[in-house]
Protein backbone atom coordinates (compact mmCIF):
# COMPACT_ATOMS: atom_id res chain seq x y z
CA UNK A 1 7.09 16.44 24.44
CA UNK A 2 5.64 12.98 24.95
CA UNK A 3 4.64 11.60 21.57
CA UNK A 4 3.90 8.08 22.77
CA UNK A 5 0.48 6.82 21.66
CA UNK A 6 -0.82 3.81 23.61
CA UNK A 7 -2.81 1.11 21.83
CA UNK A 8 -5.86 1.99 23.95
CA UNK A 9 -5.84 5.79 24.10
CA UNK A 10 -8.82 6.68 26.30
CA UNK A 11 -8.66 10.44 25.70
CA UNK A 12 -11.64 12.10 24.03
CA UNK A 13 -11.53 13.20 20.40
CA UNK A 14 -11.19 16.84 21.45
CA UNK A 15 -8.40 16.06 23.94
CA UNK A 16 -6.45 14.30 21.19
CA UNK A 17 -6.96 17.22 18.83
CA UNK A 18 -5.80 19.75 21.42
CA UNK A 19 -2.74 17.65 22.19
CA UNK A 20 -1.88 17.50 18.49
CA UNK A 21 -2.27 21.28 18.17
CA UNK A 22 0.45 21.74 20.78
CA UNK A 23 2.90 19.90 18.52
CA UNK A 24 3.63 22.63 15.98
CA UNK A 25 6.44 20.85 14.11
CA UNK A 26 6.05 20.94 10.29
CA UNK A 27 4.79 17.61 8.99
CA UNK A 28 4.76 15.62 5.76
CA UNK A 29 1.42 13.98 4.95
CA UNK A 30 1.70 10.78 2.94
CA UNK A 31 -0.04 7.53 2.13
CA UNK A 32 1.13 4.14 0.99
CA UNK A 33 -0.11 0.59 0.68
CA UNK A 34 1.21 -2.81 -0.20
CA UNK A 35 -0.40 -6.17 -0.82
CA UNK A 36 2.04 -8.47 0.94
CA UNK A 37 1.60 -11.61 3.02
CA UNK A 38 1.83 -10.73 6.73
CA UNK A 39 1.92 -13.87 8.83
CA UNK A 40 1.17 -12.21 12.19
CA UNK A 41 -0.71 -8.91 11.75
CA UNK A 42 -0.91 -8.28 15.50
CA UNK A 43 2.87 -8.54 15.91
CA UNK A 44 3.34 -6.35 12.84
CA UNK A 45 0.89 -3.78 14.24
CA UNK A 46 2.77 -3.62 17.54
CA UNK A 47 6.07 -3.25 15.71
CA UNK A 48 4.75 -0.29 13.73
CA UNK A 49 3.18 1.32 16.78
CA UNK A 50 6.35 1.13 18.85
CA UNK A 51 8.52 2.67 16.13
CA UNK A 52 6.15 5.29 14.76
CA UNK A 53 4.91 6.62 18.09
CA UNK A 54 8.54 7.38 19.07
CA UNK A 55 8.90 9.42 15.88
CA UNK A 56 5.76 11.46 16.57
CA UNK A 57 3.82 9.99 13.62
CA UNK A 58 0.08 10.40 13.42
CA UNK A 59 -2.33 8.65 11.10
CA UNK A 60 -4.79 5.88 10.34
CA UNK A 61 -3.22 2.54 9.37
CA UNK A 62 -4.88 -0.78 8.62
CA UNK A 63 -2.99 -4.07 8.76
CA UNK A 64 -4.22 -7.48 7.60
CA UNK A 65 -2.85 -10.80 6.43
CA UNK A 66 -3.04 -9.39 2.88
CA UNK A 67 -0.93 -6.29 3.59
CA UNK A 68 -0.94 -2.70 4.87
CA UNK A 69 -2.86 0.49 4.03
CA UNK A 70 -1.51 3.68 5.62
CA UNK A 71 -2.52 7.35 5.62
CA UNK A 72 -0.39 9.37 7.98
CA UNK A 73 1.84 12.34 8.66
CA UNK A 74 5.42 12.45 9.94
CA UNK A 75 7.33 15.37 11.50
CA UNK A 76 9.64 16.63 8.75
CA UNK A 77 12.58 16.52 11.16
CA UNK A 78 11.96 12.77 11.62
CA UNK A 79 11.13 11.83 8.05
CA UNK A 80 14.60 10.49 7.23
CA UNK A 81 14.51 8.30 10.34
CA UNK A 82 10.99 7.16 9.47
CA UNK A 83 12.00 6.19 5.93
CA UNK A 84 15.16 4.43 7.14
CA UNK A 85 13.11 2.33 9.56
CA UNK A 86 10.51 1.49 6.91
CA UNK A 87 13.19 0.32 4.46
CA UNK A 88 14.55 -2.09 7.08
CA UNK A 89 11.21 -3.90 7.34
CA UNK A 90 11.10 -6.89 4.95
CA UNK A 91 7.38 -6.31 4.32
CA UNK A 92 7.92 -2.65 3.32
CA UNK A 93 11.20 -2.44 1.41
CA UNK A 94 10.88 0.03 -1.51
CA UNK A 95 7.22 0.72 -0.82
CA UNK A 96 6.29 3.87 -2.81
CA UNK A 97 4.98 6.87 -0.87
CA UNK A 98 2.26 9.19 -2.17
CA UNK A 99 3.11 12.63 -0.77
CA UNK A 100 0.16 14.97 -0.23
CA UNK A 101 -0.51 17.59 -2.88
CA UNK A 102 -1.61 20.16 -0.29
CA UNK A 103 -0.16 20.12 3.21
CA UNK A 104 -2.03 20.67 6.44
CA UNK A 105 -0.19 20.30 9.72
CA UNK A 106 -3.24 18.69 11.28
CA UNK A 107 -4.16 16.12 8.65
CA UNK A 108 -4.21 13.61 11.53
CA UNK A 109 -4.10 14.21 15.27
CA UNK A 110 -3.54 10.70 16.66
CA UNK A 111 -1.85 7.44 15.68
CA UNK A 112 -4.29 4.58 15.12
CA UNK A 113 -3.14 1.19 13.81
CA UNK A 114 -5.87 -1.42 13.49
CA UNK A 115 -5.79 -5.08 12.52
CA UNK A 116 -8.53 -5.81 10.00
CA UNK A 117 -9.62 -8.86 7.98
CA UNK A 118 -8.62 -6.92 4.83
CA UNK A 119 -6.80 -3.63 4.20
CA UNK A 120 -9.70 -2.52 2.00
CA UNK A 121 -13.17 -3.87 2.81
CA UNK A 122 -14.32 -5.49 -0.44
CA UNK A 123 -17.09 -7.85 0.66
CA UNK A 124 -15.74 -10.55 -1.65
CA UNK A 125 -16.07 -14.21 -0.71
CA UNK A 126 -14.71 -16.03 -3.74
CA UNK A 127 -11.99 -18.60 -3.12
CA UNK A 128 -11.07 -18.60 -6.82
CA UNK A 129 -10.33 -14.86 -6.90
CA UNK A 130 -6.62 -14.03 -7.10
CA UNK A 131 -6.15 -10.43 -5.90
CA UNK A 132 -2.54 -10.45 -7.10
CA UNK A 133 -3.56 -10.90 -10.75
CA UNK A 134 -3.88 -7.15 -11.30
CA UNK A 135 -4.02 -5.09 -14.45
CA UNK A 136 -1.02 -3.14 -15.71
CA UNK A 137 -0.22 0.34 -14.39
CA UNK A 138 -0.96 3.54 -16.29
CA UNK A 139 1.21 6.65 -16.07
CA UNK A 140 -0.37 10.11 -16.02
CA UNK A 141 0.43 10.56 -19.72
CA UNK A 142 -1.17 7.21 -20.56
CA UNK A 143 -4.21 8.07 -18.42
CA UNK A 144 -4.67 11.25 -20.43
CA UNK A 145 -4.69 9.18 -23.62
CA UNK A 146 -7.49 7.03 -22.19
CA UNK A 147 -9.49 10.10 -21.19
CA UNK A 148 -9.19 11.50 -24.72
CA UNK A 149 -9.98 8.18 -26.41
CA UNK A 150 -13.72 7.74 -27.20
CA UNK A 151 -13.14 4.00 -27.53
CA UNK A 152 -11.76 3.71 -23.99
CA UNK A 153 -13.70 3.55 -20.73
CA UNK A 154 -12.50 5.40 -17.61
CA UNK A 155 -14.10 4.25 -14.35
CA UNK A 156 -13.96 6.00 -10.98
CA UNK A 157 -13.52 3.33 -8.28
CA UNK A 158 -14.35 5.72 -5.44
CA UNK A 159 -17.56 6.55 -3.59
CA UNK A 160 -20.14 9.05 -4.82
CA UNK A 161 -19.21 11.73 -2.26
CA UNK A 162 -15.65 11.58 -3.62
CA UNK A 163 -16.50 11.72 -7.33
CA UNK A 164 -19.07 14.47 -6.69
CA UNK A 165 -16.31 17.02 -6.02
CA UNK A 166 -13.75 15.73 -8.54
CA UNK A 167 -13.33 13.22 -11.37
CA UNK A 168 -11.71 12.69 -14.73
CA UNK A 169 -13.58 14.13 -17.70
CA UNK A 170 -16.03 11.59 -19.08
CA UNK A 171 -15.49 9.07 -16.29
CA UNK A 172 -18.16 6.61 -15.22
CA UNK A 173 -18.93 7.52 -11.59
CA UNK A 174 -21.18 4.88 -9.96
CA UNK A 175 -23.60 6.07 -7.29
CA UNK A 176 -22.26 3.99 -4.39
CA UNK A 177 -21.38 4.60 -0.77
CA UNK A 178 -18.77 1.86 -0.43
CA UNK A 179 -16.09 0.09 -2.43
CA UNK A 180 -17.76 -3.27 -1.82
CA UNK A 181 -20.94 -1.94 -3.47
CA UNK A 182 -18.95 -0.79 -6.47
CA UNK A 183 -17.20 -4.13 -6.95
CA UNK A 184 -20.61 -5.79 -7.08
CA UNK A 185 -22.20 -3.49 -9.66
CA UNK A 186 -19.38 -2.41 -11.99
CA UNK A 187 -18.93 -5.73 -13.88
CA UNK A 188 -22.62 -5.68 -14.86
CA UNK A 189 -22.70 -1.92 -15.34
CA UNK A 190 -20.09 -2.02 -18.11
CA UNK A 191 -20.85 -5.44 -19.60
CA UNK A 192 -21.70 -3.94 -23.00
CA UNK A 193 -18.17 -2.46 -23.07
CA UNK A 194 -16.33 -5.70 -22.37
CA UNK A 195 -14.10 -5.35 -25.44
CA UNK A 196 -13.11 -1.76 -24.73
CA UNK A 197 -9.86 -0.55 -23.18
CA UNK A 198 -10.64 0.09 -19.51
CA UNK A 199 -8.81 2.43 -17.12
CA UNK A 200 -9.58 2.47 -13.40
CA UNK A 201 -8.58 5.14 -10.89
CA UNK A 202 -8.99 5.95 -7.21
CA UNK A 203 -7.39 8.19 -4.58
CA UNK A 204 -4.00 6.54 -4.07
CA UNK A 205 -4.19 3.34 -6.11
CA UNK A 206 -5.18 0.70 -3.57
CA UNK A 207 -8.83 0.29 -4.55
CA UNK A 208 -8.35 0.36 -8.31
CA UNK A 209 -5.50 -2.16 -8.07
CA UNK A 210 -7.78 -4.72 -6.42
CA UNK A 211 -10.65 -3.74 -8.72
CA UNK A 212 -8.49 -4.40 -11.79
CA UNK A 213 -7.88 -7.95 -10.55
CA UNK A 214 -11.61 -8.38 -9.89
CA UNK A 215 -12.60 -7.26 -13.39
CA UNK A 216 -10.02 -9.60 -14.89
CA UNK A 217 -11.51 -12.36 -12.75
CA UNK A 218 -14.89 -11.46 -14.25
CA UNK A 219 -13.60 -11.86 -17.79
CA UNK A 220 -12.46 -8.33 -18.68
CA UNK A 221 -9.09 -8.73 -20.36
CA UNK A 222 -7.98 -5.19 -21.24
CA UNK A 223 -8.01 -3.56 -17.79
CA UNK A 224 -5.38 -1.15 -16.48
CA UNK A 225 -5.25 1.19 -13.50
CA UNK A 226 -3.69 4.56 -12.66
CA UNK A 227 -0.49 4.03 -10.69
CA UNK A 228 -0.50 5.98 -7.45
CA UNK A 229 -4.06 7.18 -8.03
CA UNK A 230 -5.11 10.80 -8.33
CA UNK A 231 -2.48 11.89 -5.79
CA UNK A 232 0.44 10.69 -7.89
CA UNK A 233 -1.29 11.81 -11.11
CA UNK A 234 -1.15 15.42 -9.88
CA UNK A 235 2.57 15.16 -9.14
CA UNK A 236 3.31 13.62 -12.55
CA UNK A 237 1.28 16.27 -14.36
CA UNK A 238 3.21 19.07 -12.67
CA UNK A 239 6.63 17.47 -13.02
CA UNK A 240 6.16 16.58 -16.71
CA UNK A 241 4.15 19.60 -17.82
CA UNK A 242 1.18 17.47 -18.90
CA UNK A 243 -2.42 18.64 -19.41
CA UNK A 244 -4.46 18.12 -16.24
CA UNK A 245 -7.52 16.05 -17.18
CA UNK A 246 -8.86 15.84 -13.62
CA UNK A 247 -11.69 18.24 -12.87
CA UNK A 248 -12.11 19.58 -9.36
CA UNK A 249 -10.92 18.31 -6.01
CA UNK A 250 -9.61 14.97 -4.76
CA UNK A 251 -11.33 13.78 -1.57
CA UNK A 252 -8.85 12.54 1.06
CA UNK A 253 -9.59 10.58 4.22
CA UNK A 254 -8.03 12.84 6.81
CA UNK A 255 -8.82 16.13 8.51
CA UNK A 256 -8.24 18.09 5.27
CA UNK A 257 -11.08 16.26 3.46
CA UNK A 258 -9.73 17.30 0.06
CA UNK A 259 -6.82 18.41 -2.12
CA UNK A 260 -7.11 20.80 -5.06
CA UNK A 261 -6.22 18.97 -8.30
CA UNK A 262 -8.09 20.86 -11.02
CA UNK A 263 -9.02 24.53 -10.81
CA UNK A 264 -12.74 24.00 -11.39
CA UNK A 265 -15.34 23.79 -8.64
CA UNK A 266 -17.78 21.25 -10.13
CA UNK A 267 -20.18 20.60 -7.22
CA UNK A 268 -22.84 22.66 -5.48
CA UNK A 269 -23.55 23.44 -1.85
CA UNK A 270 -25.87 20.79 -0.39
CA UNK A 271 -27.80 23.39 1.60
CA UNK A 272 -28.76 26.03 -0.96
CA UNK A 273 -28.20 23.74 -3.99
CA UNK A 274 -27.16 26.71 -6.15
CA UNK A 275 -23.79 28.08 -5.02
CA UNK A 276 -20.68 26.27 -6.23
CA UNK A 277 -18.80 24.58 -3.38
CA UNK A 278 -16.46 21.62 -2.97
CA UNK A 279 -15.63 22.18 0.70
CA UNK A 280 -16.79 19.38 2.99
CA UNK A 281 -17.96 19.95 6.54
CA UNK A 282 -19.16 17.62 9.27
CA UNK A 283 -22.47 18.62 10.82
CA UNK A 284 -21.89 20.09 14.30
CA UNK A 285 -24.66 17.89 15.67
CA UNK A 286 -22.63 14.90 16.89
CA UNK A 287 -25.63 12.57 16.48
CA UNK A 288 -25.78 13.43 12.79
CA UNK A 289 -22.15 14.33 11.96
CA UNK A 290 -23.04 13.92 8.28
CA UNK A 291 -20.49 15.00 5.70
CA UNK A 292 -21.93 17.78 3.54
CA UNK A 293 -20.79 20.37 1.04
CA UNK A 294 -21.38 23.91 2.25
CA UNK A 295 -20.74 27.36 0.80
CA UNK A 296 -19.49 30.06 3.19
CA UNK A 297 -22.88 31.77 3.31
CA UNK A 298 -24.84 28.63 4.21
CA UNK A 299 -22.29 27.39 6.74
CA UNK A 300 -22.55 30.75 8.50
CA UNK A 301 -26.36 30.83 8.17
CA UNK A 302 -26.77 27.38 9.72
CA UNK A 303 -23.88 27.88 12.15
CA UNK A 304 -22.08 24.73 10.98
CA UNK A 305 -25.14 22.46 11.03
CA UNK A 306 -26.44 20.61 7.97
CA UNK A 307 -30.04 21.73 8.57
CA UNK A 308 -32.37 23.68 10.83
CA UNK A 309 -33.51 20.34 12.21
CA UNK A 310 -30.01 19.54 13.45
CA UNK A 311 -29.70 23.05 14.89
CA UNK A 312 -32.88 22.56 16.89
CA UNK A 313 -32.33 18.96 17.98
CA UNK A 314 -28.77 19.68 19.12
CA UNK A 315 -30.20 22.09 21.71
CA UNK A 316 -32.85 19.64 22.91
CA UNK A 317 -32.74 18.01 26.37
CA UNK A 318 -30.54 14.96 26.71
CA UNK A 319 -33.51 12.55 26.88
CA UNK A 320 -34.97 13.88 23.62
CA UNK A 321 -31.58 13.68 21.89
CA UNK A 322 -31.38 9.97 22.76
CA UNK A 323 -34.69 9.38 20.98
CA UNK A 324 -33.47 11.29 17.93
CA UNK A 325 -30.19 9.34 17.96
CA UNK A 326 -32.04 6.02 17.85
CA UNK A 327 -34.23 7.21 14.97
CA UNK A 328 -31.29 8.64 13.04
CA UNK A 329 -29.10 5.55 13.36
CA UNK A 330 -31.95 3.24 12.35
CA UNK A 331 -33.45 5.14 9.40
CA UNK A 332 -31.17 7.90 8.15
CA UNK A 333 -27.47 7.22 8.60
CA UNK A 334 -27.08 4.40 6.05
CA UNK A 335 -28.19 6.62 3.15
CA UNK A 336 -26.48 9.86 4.08
CA UNK A 337 -24.26 10.03 0.99
CA UNK A 338 -26.85 9.12 -1.67
CA UNK A 339 -26.98 12.24 -3.85
CA UNK A 340 -27.48 11.35 -7.50
CA UNK A 341 -28.43 8.48 -9.74
CA UNK A 342 -25.84 6.42 -11.62
CA UNK A 343 -24.35 8.63 -14.28
CA UNK A 344 -21.54 9.29 -16.72
CA UNK A 345 -20.23 12.80 -16.16
CA UNK A 346 -19.10 15.23 -18.84
């Protein structure tokens, strides 16, 4: 089987998916990141692509001068070779992996490695900000102590569609669509709690690590963050027999769209608004393609669409669909995830 993935893969999304389905080897889904100075991100990207495509890796990786952010899967039969290669790279020696809590052989179906200005878009333009001046790490046990402490503040550094389906008990969950939005509002949002102990968390640790440095830059002195994020928290809880303080599901940025962390389903279907559901779907209308929560009954009722409107417009003539696409992209798409006002959840 040819597992080579060219830099410019011109196949359609469906062709890539079908090709991936033919590769039935068991896979390990993992993520990792590292803030490290990379002098030539393009050369580094090409080095990764050459090695990882030969090993049949699939995933979404961002490379920048400030480091690397990777979400990917690796054929289990090649994992030892993958790890050996990684450990030989001076930029990646001893980088910690976050192994998926729930496996899905099709978490990714292509290998994409992109050079970006930053590995996490933060919107910051402050020459005095030192992103390496981060807060201390918290273990799962220490995170639980923060959650139980009324004098501590736990802040979710993820987007609203992530916190909607899962969060730590009592966490502050800002109503934002992007990390850059959250960095702008959180310092002011919690200014009356400046003297409190603060714990930050995110999916795998990369966002809350940078956010801890940003809050310190803004004058918050007692800021820590959950090492390895929610993914590693789940592993630590199971390995150490700790109470699980995370309620619901952890959103992940691959084809699975979520991993079960807590047993509760804390969110409702976006279509009927009454039935409990934390399963995300993309609207079948490719113009819309909005991410929504749908219960089994509503997904069947609307045949995979997010609304009757999308059902109807998807069957419209091509000329009419172009008009709808222009309207949607101009007026609707930017606010697709806005669900609730800023809140502290119970």
